[in-house]
PDB file of N, CA and C in Angstrom:
ATOM      1  N   MET A   1     -42.650  63.203  57.312  1.00  0.00           N
ATOM      2  CA  MET A   1     -42.639  62.294  56.179  1.00  0.00           C
ATOM      3  C   MET A   1     -42.711  63.092  54.871  1.00  0.00           C
ATOM      4  N   GLN A   2     -41.825  62.808  53.941  1.00  0.00           N
ATOM      5  CA  GLN A   2     -41.774  63.495  52.645  1.00  0.00           C
ATOM      6  C   GLN A   2     -42.827  62.904  51.710  1.00  0.00           C
ATOM      7  N   HIS A   3     -43.668  63.760  51.143  1.00  0.00           N
ATOM      8  CA  HIS A   3     -44.691  63.300  50.202  1.00  0.00           C
ATOM      9  C   HIS A   3     -44.141  63.360  48.783  1.00  0.00           C
ATOM     10  N   GLU A   4     -44.463  62.345  48.028  1.00  0.00           N
ATOM     11  CA  GLU A   4     -44.048  62.298  46.621  1.00  0.00           C
ATOM     12  C   GLU A   4     -44.909  63.259  45.809  1.00  0.00           C
ATOM     13  N   THR A   5     -44.292  63.921  44.846  1.00  0.00           N
ATOM     14  CA  THR A   5     -45.046  64.744  43.905  1.00  0.00           C
ATOM     15  C   THR A   5     -44.650  64.320  42.499  1.00  0.00           C
ATOM     16  N   ARG A   6     -45.586  64.454  41.600  1.00  0.00           N
ATOM     17  CA  ARG A   6     -45.325  64.175  40.188  1.00  0.00           C
ATOM     18  C   ARG A   6     -46.332  64.966  39.376  1.00  0.00           C
ATOM     19  N   PRO A   7     -45.989  65.292  38.132  1.00  0.00           N
ATOM     20  CA  PRO A   7     -46.913  66.066  37.307  1.00  0.00           C
ATOM     21  C   PRO A   7     -47.957  65.169  36.645  1.00  0.00           C
ATOM     22  N   CYS A   8     -49.104  65.767  36.369  1.00  0.00           N
ATOM     23  CA  CYS A   8     -50.150  65.087  35.604  1.00  0.00           C
ATOM     24  C   CYS A   8     -49.624  64.828  34.199  1.00  0.00           C
ATOM     25  N   GLU A   9     -49.891  63.648  33.667  1.00  0.00           N
ATOM     26  CA  GLU A   9     -49.442  63.295  32.312  1.00  0.00           C
ATOM     27  C   GLU A   9     -50.073  64.176  31.245  1.00  0.00           C
ATOM     28  N   ILE A  10     -51.214  64.763  31.537  1.00  0.00           N
ATOM     29  CA  ILE A  10     -51.944  65.539  30.530  1.00  0.00           C
ATOM     30  C   ILE A  10     -51.608  67.030  30.617  1.00  0.00           C
ATOM     31  N   CYS A  11     -51.829  67.644  31.791  1.00  0.00           N
ATOM     32  CA  CYS A  11     -51.675  69.096  31.918  1.00  0.00           C
ATOM     33  C   CYS A  11     -50.362  69.525  32.573  1.00  0.00           C
ATOM     34  N   LYS A  12     -49.604  68.571  33.082  1.00  0.00           N
ATOM     35  CA  LYS A  12     -48.292  68.825  33.720  1.00  0.00           C
ATOM     36  C   LYS A  12     -48.390  69.549  35.060  1.00  0.00           C
ATOM     37  N   GLN A  13     -49.610  69.744  35.576  1.00  0.00           N
ATOM     38  CA  GLN A  13     -49.768  70.339  36.903  1.00  0.00           C
ATOM     39  C   GLN A  13     -49.419  69.290  37.962  1.00  0.00           C
ATOM     40  N   PRO A  14     -48.904  69.718  39.138  1.00  0.00           N
ATOM     41  CA  PRO A  14     -48.556  68.735  40.175  1.00  0.00           C
ATOM     42  C   PRO A  14     -49.802  67.993  40.676  1.00  0.00           C
ATOM     43  N   ILE A  15     -49.660  66.703  40.862  1.00  0.00           N
ATOM     44  CA  ILE A  15     -50.742  65.883  41.421  1.00  0.00           C
ATOM     45  C   ILE A  15     -50.656  65.998  42.931  1.00  0.00           C
ATOM     46  N   ASP A  16     -51.788  66.192  43.580  1.00  0.00           N
ATOM     47  CA  ASP A  16     -51.862  66.319  45.033  1.00  0.00           C
ATOM     48  C   ASP A  16     -51.256  65.078  45.694  1.00  0.00           C
ATOM     49  N   PRO A  17     -50.319  65.250  46.638  1.00  0.00           N
ATOM     50  CA  PRO A  17     -49.698  64.104  47.314  1.00  0.00           C
ATOM     51  C   PRO A  17     -50.717  63.155  47.974  1.00  0.00           C
ATOM     52  N   GLU A  18     -51.843  63.699  48.445  1.00  0.00           N
ATOM     53  CA  GLU A  18     -52.872  62.837  49.045  1.00  0.00           C
ATOM     54  C   GLU A  18     -53.480  61.911  47.995  1.00  0.00           C
ATOM     55  N   ARG A  19     -53.645  62.401  46.787  1.00  0.00           N
ATOM     56  CA  ARG A  19     -54.159  61.549  45.701  1.00  0.00           C
ATOM     57  C   ARG A  19     -53.147  60.458  45.380  1.00  0.00           C
ATOM     58  N   ILE A  20     -51.869  60.801  45.315  1.00  0.00           N
ATOM     59  CA  ILE A  20     -50.827  59.811  45.044  1.00  0.00           C
ATOM     60  C   ILE A  20     -50.794  58.756  46.151  1.00  0.00           C
ATOM     61  N   GLU A  21     -50.996  59.189  47.396  1.00  0.00           N
ATOM     62  CA  GLU A  21     -51.025  58.240  48.502  1.00  0.00           C
ATOM     63  C   GLU A  21     -52.227  57.298  48.382  1.00  0.00           C
ATOM     64  N   ALA A  22     -53.371  57.830  47.961  1.00  0.00           N
ATOM     65  CA  ALA A  22     -54.585  57.019  47.830  1.00  0.00           C
ATOM     66  C   ALA A  22     -54.530  56.096  46.616  1.00  0.00           C
ATOM     67  N   VAL A  23     -53.985  56.580  45.489  1.00  0.00           N
ATOM     68  CA  VAL A  23     -53.897  55.810  44.245  1.00  0.00           C
ATOM     69  C   VAL A  23     -52.450  55.907  43.746  1.00  0.00           C
ATOM     70  N   PRO A  24     -51.534  55.108  44.311  1.00  0.00           N
ATOM     71  CA  PRO A  24     -50.107  55.250  43.988  1.00  0.00           C
ATOM     72  C   PRO A  24     -49.767  55.128  42.508  1.00  0.00           C
ATOM     73  N   GLU A  25     -50.562  54.391  41.725  1.00  0.00           N
ATOM     74  CA  GLU A  25     -50.254  54.175  40.306  1.00  0.00           C
ATOM     75  C   GLU A  25     -50.706  55.324  39.416  1.00  0.00           C
ATOM     76  N   THR A  26     -51.472  56.265  39.959  1.00  0.00           N
ATOM     77  CA  THR A  26     -52.053  57.312  39.126  1.00  0.00           C
ATOM     78  C   THR A  26     -50.985  58.221  38.529  1.00  0.00           C
ATOM     79  N   ARG A  27     -51.282  58.702  37.351  1.00  0.00           N
ATOM     80  CA  ARG A  27     -50.436  59.692  36.684  1.00  0.00           C
ATOM     81  C   ARG A  27     -51.292  60.871  36.231  1.00  0.00           C
ATOM     82  N   LEU A  28     -52.517  60.971  36.814  1.00  0.00           N
ATOM     83  CA  LEU A  28     -53.444  62.030  36.416  1.00  0.00           C
ATOM     84  C   LEU A  28     -53.898  62.849  37.620  1.00  0.00           C
ATOM     85  N   CYS A  29     -54.090  64.138  37.389  1.00  0.00           N
ATOM     86  CA  CYS A  29     -54.676  65.001  38.419  1.00  0.00           C
ATOM     87  C   CYS A  29     -56.159  64.628  38.555  1.00  0.00           C
ATOM     88  N   PRO A  30     -56.826  65.071  39.630  1.00  0.00           N
ATOM     89  CA  PRO A  30     -58.245  64.703  39.804  1.00  0.00           C
ATOM     90  C   PRO A  30     -59.140  65.100  38.633  1.00  0.00           C
ATOM     91  N   GLU A  31     -58.890  66.269  38.047  1.00  0.00           N
ATOM     92  CA  GLU A  31     -59.711  66.726  36.918  1.00  0.00           C
ATOM     93  C   GLU A  31     -59.598  65.766  35.732  1.00  0.00           C
ATOM     94  N   HIS A  32     -58.396  65.382  35.379  1.00  0.00           N
ATOM     95  CA  HIS A  32     -58.222  64.492  34.232  1.00  0.00           C
ATOM     96  C   HIS A  32     -58.598  63.055  34.582  1.00  0.00           C
ATOM     97  N   ALA A  33     -58.502  62.678  35.837  1.00  0.00           N
ATOM     98  CA  ALA A  33     -58.974  61.359  36.263  1.00  0.00           C
ATOM     99  C   ALA A  33     -60.488  61.261  36.058  1.00  0.00           C
ATOM    100  N   ARG A  34     -61.200  62.371  36.302  1.00  0.00           N
ATOM    101  CA  ARG A  34     -62.653  62.389  36.054  1.00  0.00           C
ATOM    102  C   ARG A  34     -62.929  62.346  34.556  1.00  0.00           C
ATOM    103  N   GLN A  35     -62.191  63.128  33.784  1.00  0.00           N
ATOM    104  CA  GLN A  35     -62.432  63.215  32.343  1.00  0.00           C
ATOM    105  C   GLN A  35     -62.133  61.903  31.619  1.00  0.00           C
ATOM    106  N   ILE A  36     -61.168  61.135  32.098  1.00  0.00           N
ATOM    107  CA  ILE A  36     -60.799  59.896  31.398  1.00  0.00           C
ATOM    108  C   ILE A  36     -61.879  58.814  31.557  1.00  0.00           C
ATOM    109  N   GLN A  37     -62.780  59.004  32.500  1.00  0.00           N
ATOM    110  CA  GLN A  37     -63.853  58.020  32.703  1.00  0.00           C
ATOM    111  C   GLN A  37     -64.694  57.837  31.435  1.00  0.00           C
ATOM    112  N   LYS A  38     -64.864  58.894  30.649  1.00  0.00           N
ATOM    113  CA  LYS A  38     -65.664  58.776  29.419  1.00  0.00           C
ATOM    114  C   LYS A  38     -64.975  57.913  28.366  1.00  0.00           C
ATOM    115  N   HIS A  39     -63.679  57.655  28.554  1.00  0.00           N
ATOM    116  CA  HIS A  39     -62.913  56.820  27.618  1.00  0.00           C
ATOM    117  C   HIS A  39     -62.619  55.432  28.201  1.00  0.00           C
ATOM    118  N   GLY A  40     -63.196  55.121  29.351  1.00  0.00           N
ATOM    119  CA  GLY A  40     -62.998  53.796  29.934  1.00  0.00           C
ATOM    120  C   GLY A  40     -62.172  53.758  31.201  1.00  0.00           C
ATOM    121  N   GLY A  41     -61.692  54.896  31.665  1.00  0.00           N
ATOM    122  CA  GLY A  41     -60.950  54.956  32.912  1.00  0.00           C
ATOM    123  C   GLY A  41     -59.443  54.886  32.725  1.00  0.00           C
ATOM    124  N   GLU A  42     -58.722  55.269  33.777  1.00  0.00           N
ATOM    125  CA  GLU A  42     -57.257  55.304  33.733  1.00  0.00           C
ATOM    126  C   GLU A  42     -56.660  53.900  33.728  1.00  0.00           C
ATOM    127  N   PHE A  43     -57.356  52.946  34.337  1.00  0.00           N
ATOM    128  CA  PHE A  43     -56.841  51.587  34.451  1.00  0.00           C
ATOM    129  C   PHE A  43     -57.846  50.565  33.923  1.00  0.00           C
ATOM    130  N   ILE A  44     -57.322  49.452  33.454  1.00  0.00           N
ATOM    131  CA  ILE A  44     -58.143  48.301  33.092  1.00  0.00           C
ATOM    132  C   ILE A  44     -57.874  47.250  34.163  1.00  0.00           C
ATOM    133  N   VAL A  45     -58.922  46.836  34.857  1.00  0.00           N
ATOM    134  CA  VAL A  45     -58.782  45.845  35.924  1.00  0.00           C
ATOM    135  C   VAL A  45     -59.308  44.515  35.401  1.00  0.00           C
ATOM    136  N   THR A  46     -58.485  43.483  35.511  1.00  0.00           N
ATOM    137  CA  THR A  46     -58.913  42.148  35.099  1.00  0.00           C
ATOM    138  C   THR A  46     -58.855  41.219  36.302  1.00  0.00           C
ATOM    139  N   MET A  47     -59.766  40.266  36.320  1.00  0.00           N
ATOM    140  CA  MET A  47     -59.841  39.304  37.417  1.00  0.00           C
ATOM    141  C   MET A  47     -59.731  37.893  36.866  1.00  0.00           C
ATOM    142  N   THR A  48     -59.033  37.047  37.611  1.00  0.00           N
ATOM    143  CA  THR A  48     -58.864  35.657  37.220  1.00  0.00           C
ATOM    144  C   THR A  48     -59.287  34.777  38.383  1.00  0.00           C
ATOM    145  N   GLN A  49     -60.189  33.854  38.123  1.00  0.00           N
ATOM    146  CA  GLN A  49     -60.660  32.911  39.139  1.00  0.00           C
ATOM    147  C   GLN A  49     -59.645  31.782  39.254  1.00  0.00           C
ATOM    148  N   GLU A  50     -59.158  31.533  40.456  1.00  0.00           N
ATOM    149  CA  GLU A  50     -58.218  30.441  40.686  1.00  0.00           C
ATOM    150  C   GLU A  50     -58.980  29.123  40.704  1.00  0.00           C
ATOM    151  N   ARG A  51     -58.467  28.149  40.000  1.00  0.00           N
ATOM    152  CA  ARG A  51     -59.092  26.835  39.957  1.00  0.00           C
ATOM    153  C   ARG A  51     -58.315  25.894  40.875  1.00  0.00           C
ATOM    154  N   THR A  52     -59.006  25.255  41.795  1.00  0.00           N
ATOM    155  CA  THR A  52     -58.321  24.390  42.761  1.00  0.00           C
ATOM    156  C   THR A  52     -58.558  22.910  42.503  1.00  0.00           C
ATOM    157  N   SER A  53     -59.343  22.583  41.494  1.00  0.00           N
ATOM    158  CA  SER A  53     -59.579  21.162  41.201  1.00  0.00           C
ATOM    159  C   SER A  53     -58.370  20.583  40.475  1.00  0.00           C
ATOM    160  N   LYS A  54     -58.282  19.258  40.461  1.00  0.00           N
ATOM    161  CA  LYS A  54     -57.158  18.586  39.814  1.00  0.00           C
ATOM    162  C   LYS A  54     -57.239  18.759  38.300  1.00  0.00           C
ATOM    163  N   ALA A  55     -56.078  18.806  37.687  1.00  0.00           N
ATOM    164  CA  ALA A  55     -56.021  18.933  36.226  1.00  0.00           C
ATOM    165  C   ALA A  55     -56.747  17.755  35.579  1.00  0.00           C
ATOM    166  N   GLY A  56     -57.572  18.017  34.592  1.00  0.00           N
ATOM    167  CA  GLY A  56     -58.302  16.972  33.890  1.00  0.00           C
ATOM    168  C   GLY A  56     -59.605  16.569  34.570  1.00  0.00           C
ATOM    169  N   SER A  57     -59.849  17.056  35.777  1.00  0.00           N
ATOM    170  CA  SER A  57     -61.067  16.709  36.509  1.00  0.00           C
ATOM    171  C   SER A  57     -62.258  17.448  35.915  1.00  0.00           C
ATOM    172  N   MET A  58     -63.397  16.734  35.826  1.00  0.00           N
ATOM    173  CA  MET A  58     -64.624  17.372  35.329  1.00  0.00           C
ATOM    174  C   MET A  58     -65.240  18.248  36.414  1.00  0.00           C
ATOM    175  N   LYS A  59     -64.902  17.973  37.658  1.00  0.00           N
ATOM    176  CA  LYS A  59     -65.434  18.746  38.776  1.00  0.00           C
ATOM    177  C   LYS A  59     -64.692  20.086  38.833  1.00  0.00           C
ATOM    178  N   ARG A  60     -65.430  21.136  38.978  1.00  0.00           N
ATOM    179  CA  ARG A  60     -64.833  22.468  39.028  1.00  0.00           C
ATOM    180  C   ARG A  60     -64.864  22.981  40.464  1.00  0.00           C
ATOM    181  N   ASN A  61     -63.708  23.199  41.028  1.00  0.00           N
ATOM    182  CA  ASN A  61     -63.587  23.832  42.335  1.00  0.00           C
ATOM    183  C   ASN A  61     -62.824  25.129  42.136  1.00  0.00           C
ATOM    184  N   TYR A  62     -63.353  26.186  42.668  1.00  0.00           N
ATOM    185  CA  TYR A  62     -62.706  27.478  42.487  1.00  0.00           C
ATOM    186  C   TYR A  62     -62.286  28.038  43.830  1.00  0.00           C
ATOM    187  N   GLY A  63     -61.157  28.707  43.818  1.00  0.00           N
ATOM    188  CA  GLY A  63     -60.627  29.349  45.017  1.00  0.00           C
ATOM    189  C   GLY A  63     -60.795  30.848  44.922  1.00  0.00           C
ATOM    190  N   SER A  64     -59.746  31.537  45.264  1.00  0.00           N
ATOM    191  CA  SER A  64     -59.800  32.994  45.321  1.00  0.00           C
ATOM    192  C   SER A  64     -59.762  33.613  43.917  1.00  0.00           C
ATOM    193  N   VAL A  65     -59.917  34.913  43.900  1.00  0.00           N
ATOM    194  CA  VAL A  65     -59.861  35.680  42.666  1.00  0.00           C
ATOM    195  C   VAL A  65     -58.646  36.591  42.751  1.00  0.00           C
ATOM    196  N   SER A  66     -57.813  36.565  41.723  1.00  0.00           N
ATOM    197  CA  SER A  66     -56.681  37.499  41.690  1.00  0.00           C
ATOM    198  C   SER A  66     -56.996  38.596  40.685  1.00  0.00           C
ATOM    199  N   THR A  67     -56.563  39.790  41.005  1.00  0.00           N
ATOM    200  CA  THR A  67     -56.822  40.928  40.130  1.00  0.00           C
ATOM    201  C   THR A  67     -55.505  41.524  39.647  1.00  0.00           C
ATOM    202  N   SER A  68     -55.557  42.125  38.485  1.00  0.00           N
ATOM    203  CA  SER A  68     -54.402  42.867  37.989  1.00  0.00           C
ATOM    204  C   SER A  68     -54.902  44.162  37.360  1.00  0.00           C
ATOM    205  N   LYS A  69     -54.076  45.179  37.441  1.00  0.00           N
ATOM    206  CA  LYS A  69     -54.449  46.502  36.960  1.00  0.00           C
ATOM    207  C   LYS A  69     -53.385  46.948  35.960  1.00  0.00           C
ATOM    208  N   THR A  70     -53.825  47.354  34.769  1.00  0.00           N
ATOM    209  CA  THR A  70     -52.905  47.864  33.760  1.00  0.00           C
ATOM    210  C   THR A  70     -53.381  49.236  33.299  1.00  0.00           C
ATOM    211  N   ARG A  71     -52.466  50.023  32.829  1.00  0.00           N
ATOM    212  CA  ARG A  71     -52.804  51.359  32.341  1.00  0.00           C
ATOM    213  C   ARG A  71     -53.629  51.243  31.060  1.00  0.00           C
ATOM    214  N   ASN A  72     -54.642  52.066  30.950  1.00  0.00           N
ATOM    215  CA  ASN A  72     -55.494  52.096  29.772  1.00  0.00           C
ATOM    216  C   ASN A  72     -54.877  53.092  28.776  1.00  0.00           C
ATOM    217  N   LEU A  73     -53.919  52.608  28.007  1.00  0.00           N
ATOM    218  CA  LEU A  73     -53.147  53.477  27.113  1.00  0.00           C
ATOM    219  C   LEU A  73     -54.007  54.129  26.028  1.00  0.00           C
ATOM    220  N   GLU A  74     -54.987  53.415  25.536  1.00  0.00           N
ATOM    221  CA  GLU A  74     -55.880  53.984  24.516  1.00  0.00           C
ATOM    222  C   GLU A  74     -56.673  55.159  25.088  1.00  0.00           C
ATOM    223  N   ALA A  75     -57.194  54.997  26.301  1.00  0.00           N
ATOM    224  CA  ALA A  75     -57.950  56.074  26.943  1.00  0.00           C
ATOM    225  C   ALA A  75     -57.048  57.272  27.232  1.00  0.00           C
ATOM    226  N   LEU A  76     -55.818  57.007  27.646  1.00  0.00           N
ATOM    227  CA  LEU A  76     -54.873  58.099  27.903  1.00  0.00           C
ATOM    228  C   LEU A  76     -54.596  58.889  26.625  1.00  0.00           C
ATOM    229  N   GLN A  77     -54.434  58.195  25.517  1.00  0.00           N
ATOM    230  CA  GLN A  77     -54.181  58.886  24.249  1.00  0.00           C
ATOM    231  C   GLN A  77     -55.392  59.712  23.827  1.00  0.00           C
ATOM    232  N   ARG A  78     -56.582  59.178  24.003  1.00  0.00           N
ATOM    233  CA  ARG A  78     -57.798  59.937  23.659  1.00  0.00           C
ATOM    234  C   ARG A  78     -57.915  61.188  24.523  1.00  0.00           C
ATOM    235  N   LEU A  79     -57.635  61.039  25.825  1.00  0.00           N
ATOM    236  CA  LEU A  79     -57.697  62.182  26.737  1.00  0.00           C
ATOM    237  C   LEU A  79     -56.646  63.221  26.351  1.00  0.00           C
ATOM    238  N   ARG A  80     -55.456  62.780  26.011  1.00  0.00           N
ATOM    239  CA  ARG A  80     -54.381  63.678  25.585  1.00  0.00           C
ATOM    240  C   ARG A  80     -54.808  64.430  24.311  1.00  0.00           C
ATOM    241  N   ASP A  81     -55.420  63.710  23.370  1.00  0.00           N
ATOM    242  CA  ASP A  81     -55.913  64.343  22.132  1.00  0.00           C
ATOM    243  C   ASP A  81     -56.995  65.384  22.438  1.00  0.00           C
ATOM    244  N   ASP A  82     -57.934  65.040  23.338  1.00  0.00           N
ATOM    245  CA  ASP A  82     -58.984  65.984  23.749  1.00  0.00           C
ATOM    246  C   ASP A  82     -58.367  67.247  24.343  1.00  0.00           C
ATOM    247  N   TYR A  83     -57.387  67.055  25.205  1.00  0.00           N
ATOM    248  CA  TYR A  83     -56.719  68.181  25.867  1.00  0.00           C
ATOM    249  C   TYR A  83     -56.025  69.079  24.848  1.00  0.00           C
ATOM    250  N   GLU A  84     -55.313  68.489  23.908  1.00  0.00           N
ATOM    251  CA  GLU A  84     -54.603  69.264  22.885  1.00  0.00           C
ATOM    252  C   GLU A  84     -55.584  70.029  21.999  1.00  0.00           C
ATOM    253  N   ARG A  85     -56.704  69.408  21.635  1.00  0.00           N
ATOM    254  CA  ARG A  85     -57.726  70.092  20.829  1.00  0.00           C
ATOM    255  C   ARG A  85     -58.303  71.289  21.590  1.00  0.00           C
ATOM    256  N   GLU A  86     -58.601  71.068  22.871  1.00  0.00           N
ATOM    257  CA  GLU A  86     -59.166  72.136  23.696  1.00  0.00           C
ATOM    258  C   GLU A  86     -58.162  73.275  23.862  1.00  0.00           C
ATOM    259  N   LYS A  87     -56.918  72.929  24.056  1.00  0.00           N
ATOM    260  CA  LYS A  87     -55.850  73.931  24.209  1.00  0.00           C
ATOM    261  C   LYS A  87     -55.691  74.747  22.915  1.00  0.00           C
ATOM    262  N   ALA A  88     -55.816  74.085  21.772  1.00  0.00           N
ATOM    263  CA  ALA A  88     -55.686  74.782  20.478  1.00  0.00           C
ATOM    264  C   ALA A  88     -56.838  75.766  20.262  1.00  0.00           C
ATOM    265  N   ARG A  89     -58.013  75.460  20.792  1.00  0.00           N
ATOM    266  CA  ARG A  89     -59.170  76.359  20.654  1.00  0.00           C
ATOM    267  C   ARG A  89     -59.022  77.615  21.491  1.00  0.00           C
ATOM    268  N   SER A  90     -58.296  77.517  22.587  1.00  0.00           N
ATOM    269  CA  SER A  90     -58.169  78.666  23.522  1.00  0.00           C
ATOM    270  C   SER A  90     -57.256  79.744  23.011  1.00  0.00           C
TER     271      SER A  90
END
């Protein structure tokens, strides 16, 4: 089986195929995935409670919860800025 490889968005180093298999949406190597936590994480996860009661009913019945995951673009930019500052110091 061929493993997918892609570079880290920050340092351009190849991301380990096992990490890509575990977190297919990731665009960060493990080091930068750890560092982005201080800025809120690589992803923003939101949850929505499904409502199963009839429209207009005062009674609230809830069903399952659906989740969605979006890239945390602000955190990525902060991490990129941190990386560039650190690189300039070296």
